[in-house]
Amino acid sequence: MRVATWNVNSIKQRLPRLLPWLDERQPDVVCLQETKLTNEAFEQLLGAELAQRGYALALHGEAQWNGVAILSRSGLEDVVTGIPQAPGFPHQEARAISAVCGGVRVHSVYVPNGRIPDSEHYRYKLAWLDALREQLHAAEDAAMVCGDMNIAPADADVFDPAAYEGHTHVTPAERAALASLLELGLRDVIRDRWPDERVFTYWDYRAGMFHQDLGMRIDLVLATAAVVERVRAAWVDRHARKGRGPSDHAPVVVDLDEAPDGDVGPVVPPPSAPVLARGTVKLPQTP
């Protein structure tokens, strides 16, 4: 079973990219984030195309913002939308959905960004992660948490830690909240499989960040031991970030039981830009 997660940053904008990608990579289960469509609009836009490809849909969307989905041709049972007791901002946002696919409880999550450390957005992010942890505490033995976590787990997951000083995604509190999920028995599939590799999943659209490979790894697949032992390949589809009209995120792909394309490395193809000296590049939004 091939499971993929992808923050598409607007399903409507990414339609010319998504359908060809599904046809090429043939994932069995796809977790999507930032669909930015109501359930009805999603069905109208993509329902027929996805049905032709054999996908059943579990949707939790809203207009303009957020939105998560699971596409599955490996079964779709016991769908749960949202997170009980999750905080709102001010209302509960469409940021989580789960379903049992092929015997595995698959969660598609879009963690709040946090914007600025110690802001109300940041506190909301930490509270939301606490609620997610409570939900996962009672997770099945075979479970996967897939999505845009908006946290780089360690300094190795950003192109330069110095560039991110004072920003969200790398603060101790955020990393501690992510680590608390791992303490439940989940494993970071990509990092476990490629412990010493430079691997990113997100590159800012601005300042040529992708072409210089100045990115961060914030799109994760976390899995229980029962799933980890089935992993045969785990990789980032960097090709999907190239070309015209891409998302600013690349899909993360995990193959269970068999690896149709072999044991693909974490970056496809390898980055063309060398690792830069610490402190030589600032983030585009930094004055």
Protein backbone atom coordinates (compact mmCIF):
# COMPACT_ATOMS: atom_id res chain seq x y z
CA MET A 1 0.00 0.00 0.00
CA ARG A 2 1.41 3.37 -1.04
CA VAL A 3 0.46 6.22 1.32
CA ALA A 4 1.21 9.82 0.44
CA THR A 5 0.68 13.19 2.09
CA TRP A 6 0.68 16.53 0.29
CA ASN A 7 -0.12 20.09 1.29
CA VAL A 8 -1.48 21.23 -2.07
CA ASN A 9 -2.00 24.89 -1.04
CA SER A 10 -5.41 25.12 -2.78
CA ILE A 11 -6.84 22.08 -4.53
CA LYS A 12 -8.39 24.33 -7.17
CA GLN A 13 -5.04 25.90 -8.05
CA ARG A 14 -3.27 22.54 -8.00
CA LEU A 15 -5.80 20.63 -10.10
CA PRO A 16 -3.55 20.58 -13.22
CA ARG A 17 -0.80 19.06 -11.07
CA LEU A 18 -2.75 16.70 -8.82
CA LEU A 19 -4.51 14.47 -11.35
CA PRO A 20 -1.39 13.76 -13.47
CA TRP A 21 0.54 13.11 -10.25
CA LEU A 22 -2.04 10.57 -9.11
CA ASP A 23 -1.82 8.84 -12.49
CA GLU A 24 1.97 8.77 -12.37
CA ARG A 25 2.61 7.76 -8.76
CA GLN A 26 -0.49 5.62 -8.24
CA PRO A 27 -0.86 6.14 -4.48
CA ASP A 28 -3.43 3.98 -2.72
CA VAL A 29 -4.09 6.49 0.06
CA VAL A 30 -3.53 10.24 -0.20
CA CYS A 31 -3.75 12.72 2.66
CA LEU A 32 -4.28 16.27 1.46
CA GLN A 33 -3.97 19.54 3.37
CA GLU A 34 -4.96 23.13 2.59
CA THR A 35 -7.63 22.08 0.14
CA LYS A 36 -9.37 25.45 0.72
CA LEU A 37 -12.76 24.17 -0.45
CA THR A 38 -16.02 23.19 1.19
CA ASN A 39 -16.91 19.52 0.94
CA GLU A 40 -19.56 20.30 -1.64
CA ALA A 41 -17.19 22.33 -3.80
CA PHE A 42 -14.53 19.61 -3.56
CA GLU A 43 -17.00 16.96 -4.70
CA GLN A 44 -18.18 19.12 -7.58
CA LEU A 45 -14.65 19.87 -8.71
CA LEU A 46 -13.01 16.47 -8.29
CA GLY A 47 -15.57 13.85 -7.32
CA ALA A 48 -16.05 12.35 -10.78
CA GLU A 49 -12.36 12.39 -11.69
CA LEU A 50 -11.37 10.68 -8.47
CA ALA A 51 -14.18 8.13 -8.69
CA GLN A 52 -12.91 7.16 -12.14
CA ARG A 53 -9.54 6.46 -10.55
CA GLY A 54 -11.12 4.32 -7.84
CA TYR A 55 -10.81 6.71 -4.92
CA ALA A 56 -13.34 7.02 -2.13
CA LEU A 57 -13.30 10.41 -0.37
CA ALA A 58 -13.31 11.57 3.23
CA LEU A 59 -13.54 15.36 3.35
CA HIS A 60 -13.39 18.04 6.01
CA GLY A 61 -13.23 21.41 4.31
CA GLU A 62 -14.13 25.04 4.55
CA ALA A 63 -14.15 27.91 2.08
CA GLN A 64 -10.90 29.80 1.42
CA TRP A 65 -8.80 28.38 4.25
CA ASN A 66 -7.53 25.12 5.73
CA GLY A 67 -9.27 21.92 4.65
CA VAL A 68 -8.09 18.30 4.84
CA ALA A 69 -9.02 15.18 2.92
CA ILE A 70 -8.24 11.50 2.54
CA LEU A 71 -8.49 9.79 -0.85
CA SER A 72 -8.42 6.01 -0.66
CA ARG A 73 -8.75 3.04 -2.94
CA SER A 74 -7.77 0.69 -0.07
CA GLY A 75 -11.02 1.07 1.82
CA LEU A 76 -12.39 3.99 3.80
CA GLU A 77 -14.07 3.14 7.08
CA ASP A 78 -14.92 4.81 10.39
CA VAL A 79 -14.30 8.37 9.24
CA VAL A 80 -13.71 10.87 12.07
CA THR A 81 -13.72 14.59 11.27
CA GLY A 82 -12.01 17.08 13.53
CA ILE A 83 -10.51 16.57 16.96
CA PRO A 84 -12.68 16.37 20.08
CA GLN A 85 -12.01 19.25 22.45
CA ALA A 86 -9.76 21.00 19.92
CA PRO A 87 -9.54 24.76 20.41
CA GLY A 88 -11.04 27.12 17.86
CA PHE A 89 -9.79 30.35 16.35
CA PRO A 90 -12.45 31.36 17.15
CA HIS A 91 -14.37 28.40 15.67
CA GLN A 92 -12.98 24.90 15.20
CA GLU A 93 -11.18 24.85 11.88
CA ALA A 94 -11.03 22.07 9.28
CA ARG A 95 -7.60 20.75 10.19
CA ALA A 96 -7.93 17.02 10.90
CA ILE A 97 -9.65 13.95 9.52
CA SER A 98 -8.99 10.24 9.93
CA ALA A 99 -10.25 6.96 8.54
CA VAL A 100 -9.30 3.30 8.47
CA CYS A 101 -7.70 2.47 5.12
CA GLY A 102 -6.44 -1.03 4.45
CA GLY A 103 -6.51 -1.84 8.14
CA VAL A 104 -4.51 1.26 9.15
CA ARG A 105 -5.99 4.29 10.92
CA VAL A 106 -4.75 7.18 8.74
CA HIS A 107 -4.85 10.76 10.04
CA SER A 108 -4.53 13.74 7.69
CA VAL A 109 -3.61 16.82 9.73
CA TYR A 110 -2.84 20.46 9.05
CA VAL A 111 -1.30 21.97 12.17
CA PRO A 112 -1.81 25.73 12.68
CA ASN A 113 1.11 27.86 11.51
CA GLY A 114 1.64 29.84 14.70
CA ARG A 115 2.83 32.93 12.81
CA ILE A 116 4.83 34.72 15.54
CA PRO A 117 6.24 33.16 18.73
CA ASP A 118 4.18 33.98 21.83
CA SER A 119 1.31 35.43 19.77
CA GLU A 120 -2.29 34.30 20.12
CA HIS A 121 -1.77 32.26 16.92
CA TYR A 122 1.22 30.55 18.51
CA ARG A 123 -0.67 29.71 21.69
CA TYR A 124 -3.51 28.34 19.56
CA LYS A 125 -1.01 26.12 17.75
CA LEU A 126 0.30 24.64 20.98
CA ALA A 127 -3.20 24.09 22.35
CA TRP A 128 -4.25 22.41 19.10
CA LEU A 129 -1.25 20.07 19.29
CA ASP A 130 -2.22 19.18 22.85
CA ALA A 131 -5.68 18.21 21.61
CA LEU A 132 -4.16 16.14 18.80
CA ARG A 133 -2.00 14.30 21.33
CA GLU A 134 -5.05 13.48 23.42
CA GLN A 135 -6.81 12.07 20.37
CA LEU A 136 -3.79 9.98 19.35
CA HIS A 137 -3.33 8.68 22.88
CA ALA A 138 -6.06 6.15 22.21
CA ALA A 139 -4.97 5.43 18.63
CA GLU A 140 -5.07 1.95 17.14
CA ASP A 141 -1.97 -0.24 17.04
CA ALA A 142 -1.71 0.35 13.29
CA ALA A 143 -1.86 4.10 12.74
CA MET A 144 -0.24 6.82 10.64
CA VAL A 145 -0.31 10.58 11.20
CA CYS A 146 0.36 12.32 7.90
CA GLY A 147 0.45 15.98 7.09
CA ASP A 148 1.84 19.45 7.38
CA MET A 149 2.99 19.68 10.98
CA ASN A 150 4.35 23.23 10.56
CA ILE A 151 7.26 22.19 12.78
CA ALA A 152 10.80 21.25 11.75
CA PRO A 153 11.66 18.51 14.24
CA ALA A 154 15.37 19.39 14.57
CA ASP A 155 18.00 21.80 13.28
CA ALA A 156 18.91 19.23 10.62
CA ASP A 157 15.44 19.77 9.15
CA VAL A 158 16.09 23.39 8.07
CA PHE A 159 18.66 24.67 5.61
CA ASP A 160 20.24 26.93 8.24
CA PRO A 161 19.15 27.15 11.89
CA ALA A 162 20.53 30.69 12.09
CA ALA A 163 18.05 31.86 9.44
CA TYR A 164 15.12 30.73 11.57
CA GLU A 165 16.11 32.29 14.87
CA GLY A 166 13.15 34.19 16.28
CA HIS A 167 10.67 32.47 13.96
CA THR A 168 8.02 29.83 14.47
CA HIS A 169 8.42 26.21 13.34
CA VAL A 170 11.68 25.76 15.26
CA THR A 171 10.98 27.00 18.80
CA PRO A 172 11.57 24.70 21.78
CA ALA A 173 7.87 24.65 22.73
CA GLU A 174 6.78 23.59 19.24
CA ARG A 175 9.43 20.90 19.04
CA ALA A 176 8.49 19.66 22.50
CA ALA A 177 4.84 19.40 21.40
CA LEU A 178 5.89 17.35 18.38
CA ALA A 179 8.17 15.18 20.52
CA SER A 180 5.22 14.47 22.80
CA LEU A 181 3.49 12.79 19.85
CA LEU A 182 6.51 10.57 19.32
CA GLU A 183 6.41 9.66 23.00
CA LEU A 184 3.09 7.95 22.29
CA GLY A 185 5.03 5.36 20.29
CA LEU A 186 5.03 7.02 16.89
CA ARG A 187 8.13 7.11 14.70
CA ASP A 188 9.23 9.74 12.16
CA VAL A 189 9.33 7.48 9.11
CA ILE A 190 11.46 9.63 6.80
CA ARG A 191 14.06 10.52 9.41
CA ASP A 192 14.26 6.97 10.68
CA ARG A 193 14.92 5.68 7.20
CA TRP A 194 17.31 8.47 6.19
CA PRO A 195 18.92 9.61 9.46
CA ASP A 196 21.86 11.49 7.96
CA GLU A 197 20.38 12.91 4.77
CA ARG A 198 19.58 16.51 3.87
CA VAL A 199 15.87 16.34 3.09
CA PHE A 200 13.23 19.07 2.86
CA THR A 201 9.53 19.11 1.97
CA TYR A 202 8.78 22.86 1.82
CA TRP A 203 10.46 25.74 0.00
CA ASP A 204 9.21 29.34 0.03
CA TYR A 205 8.02 30.55 -3.37
CA ARG A 206 10.12 33.69 -3.06
CA ALA A 207 13.79 34.45 -3.68
CA GLY A 208 14.48 31.25 -5.62
CA MET A 209 14.45 29.19 -2.43
CA PHE A 210 13.55 25.94 -4.18
CA HIS A 211 16.22 26.22 -6.85
CA GLN A 212 18.81 26.88 -4.16
CA ASP A 213 17.40 24.05 -2.04
CA LEU A 214 16.83 26.40 0.89
CA GLY A 215 13.96 24.57 2.51
CA MET A 216 12.67 22.89 5.61
CA ARG A 217 11.12 19.54 6.48
CA ILE A 218 7.72 20.17 8.01
CA ASP A 219 5.57 17.58 6.18
CA LEU A 220 5.84 14.37 8.18
CA VAL A 221 4.61 10.81 8.31
CA LEU A 222 4.51 9.46 11.85
CA ALA A 223 3.66 5.79 12.32
CA THR A 224 3.21 3.18 15.01
CA ALA A 225 5.56 0.20 15.27
CA ALA A 226 3.06 -2.08 13.53
CA VAL A 227 3.22 0.17 10.46
CA VAL A 228 6.95 1.00 10.63
CA GLU A 229 7.88 -2.66 10.32
CA ARG A 230 6.03 -2.73 6.99
CA VAL A 231 7.86 0.27 5.47
CA ARG A 232 9.83 -0.64 2.37
CA ALA A 233 10.46 2.87 1.00
CA ALA A 234 9.96 6.43 2.25
CA TRP A 235 10.75 9.43 0.11
CA VAL A 236 9.97 13.02 -0.88
CA ASP A 237 8.73 13.49 -4.44
CA ARG A 238 10.75 16.60 -5.25
CA HIS A 239 9.68 16.37 -8.91
CA ALA A 240 6.20 17.50 -7.87
CA ARG A 241 7.65 20.79 -6.60
CA LYS A 242 9.25 21.57 -9.96
CA GLY A 243 7.78 23.15 -13.06
CA ARG A 244 4.79 25.41 -13.57
CA GLY A 245 2.21 26.09 -10.87
CA PRO A 246 3.48 23.84 -8.06
CA SER A 247 2.52 23.86 -4.43
CA ASP A 248 5.24 25.18 -2.15
CA HIS A 249 5.24 21.71 -0.55
CA ALA A 250 6.35 18.40 -2.07
CA PRO A 251 4.51 15.13 -1.42
CA VAL A 252 5.91 12.62 1.05
CA VAL A 253 5.45 9.01 -0.04
CA VAL A 254 5.65 5.87 2.08
CA ASP A 255 5.45 2.38 0.58
CA LEU A 256 4.24 -0.43 2.82
CA ASP A 257 4.96 -4.13 2.16
CA GLU A 258 6.50 -3.52 -1.27
CA ALA A 259 8.32 -0.69 -3.04
CA PRO A 260 7.17 -0.43 -6.68
CA ASP A 261 9.88 2.11 -7.55
CA GLY A 262 12.57 0.60 -5.36
CA ASP A 263 13.97 2.05 -2.16
CA VAL A 264 13.86 5.64 -3.38
CA GLY A 265 16.00 8.16 -1.51
CA PRO A 266 14.62 11.18 0.30
CA VAL A 267 15.18 13.70 -2.49
CA VAL A 268 14.31 13.10 -6.14
CA PRO A 269 16.44 14.31 -7.85
CA PRO A 270 19.31 15.31 -5.51
CA PRO A 271 19.55 19.05 -4.80
CA SER A 272 21.74 20.93 -7.25
CA ALA A 273 22.76 23.66 -4.79
CA PRO A 274 25.52 23.16 -2.22
CA VAL A 275 24.96 23.59 1.51
CA LEU A 276 25.68 27.23 2.35
CA ALA A 277 27.70 28.53 5.26
CA ARG A 278 25.66 29.24 8.38
CA GLY A 279 24.17 32.73 8.52
CA THR A 280 24.71 33.65 4.87
CA VAL A 281 21.03 33.56 3.82
CA LYS A 282 18.04 35.25 5.44
CA LEU A 283 14.44 34.18 5.03
CA PRO A 284 12.58 36.21 2.35
CA GLN A 285 10.30 37.89 4.92
CA THR A 286 13.23 38.93 7.11
CA PRO A 287 14.18 42.62 6.64
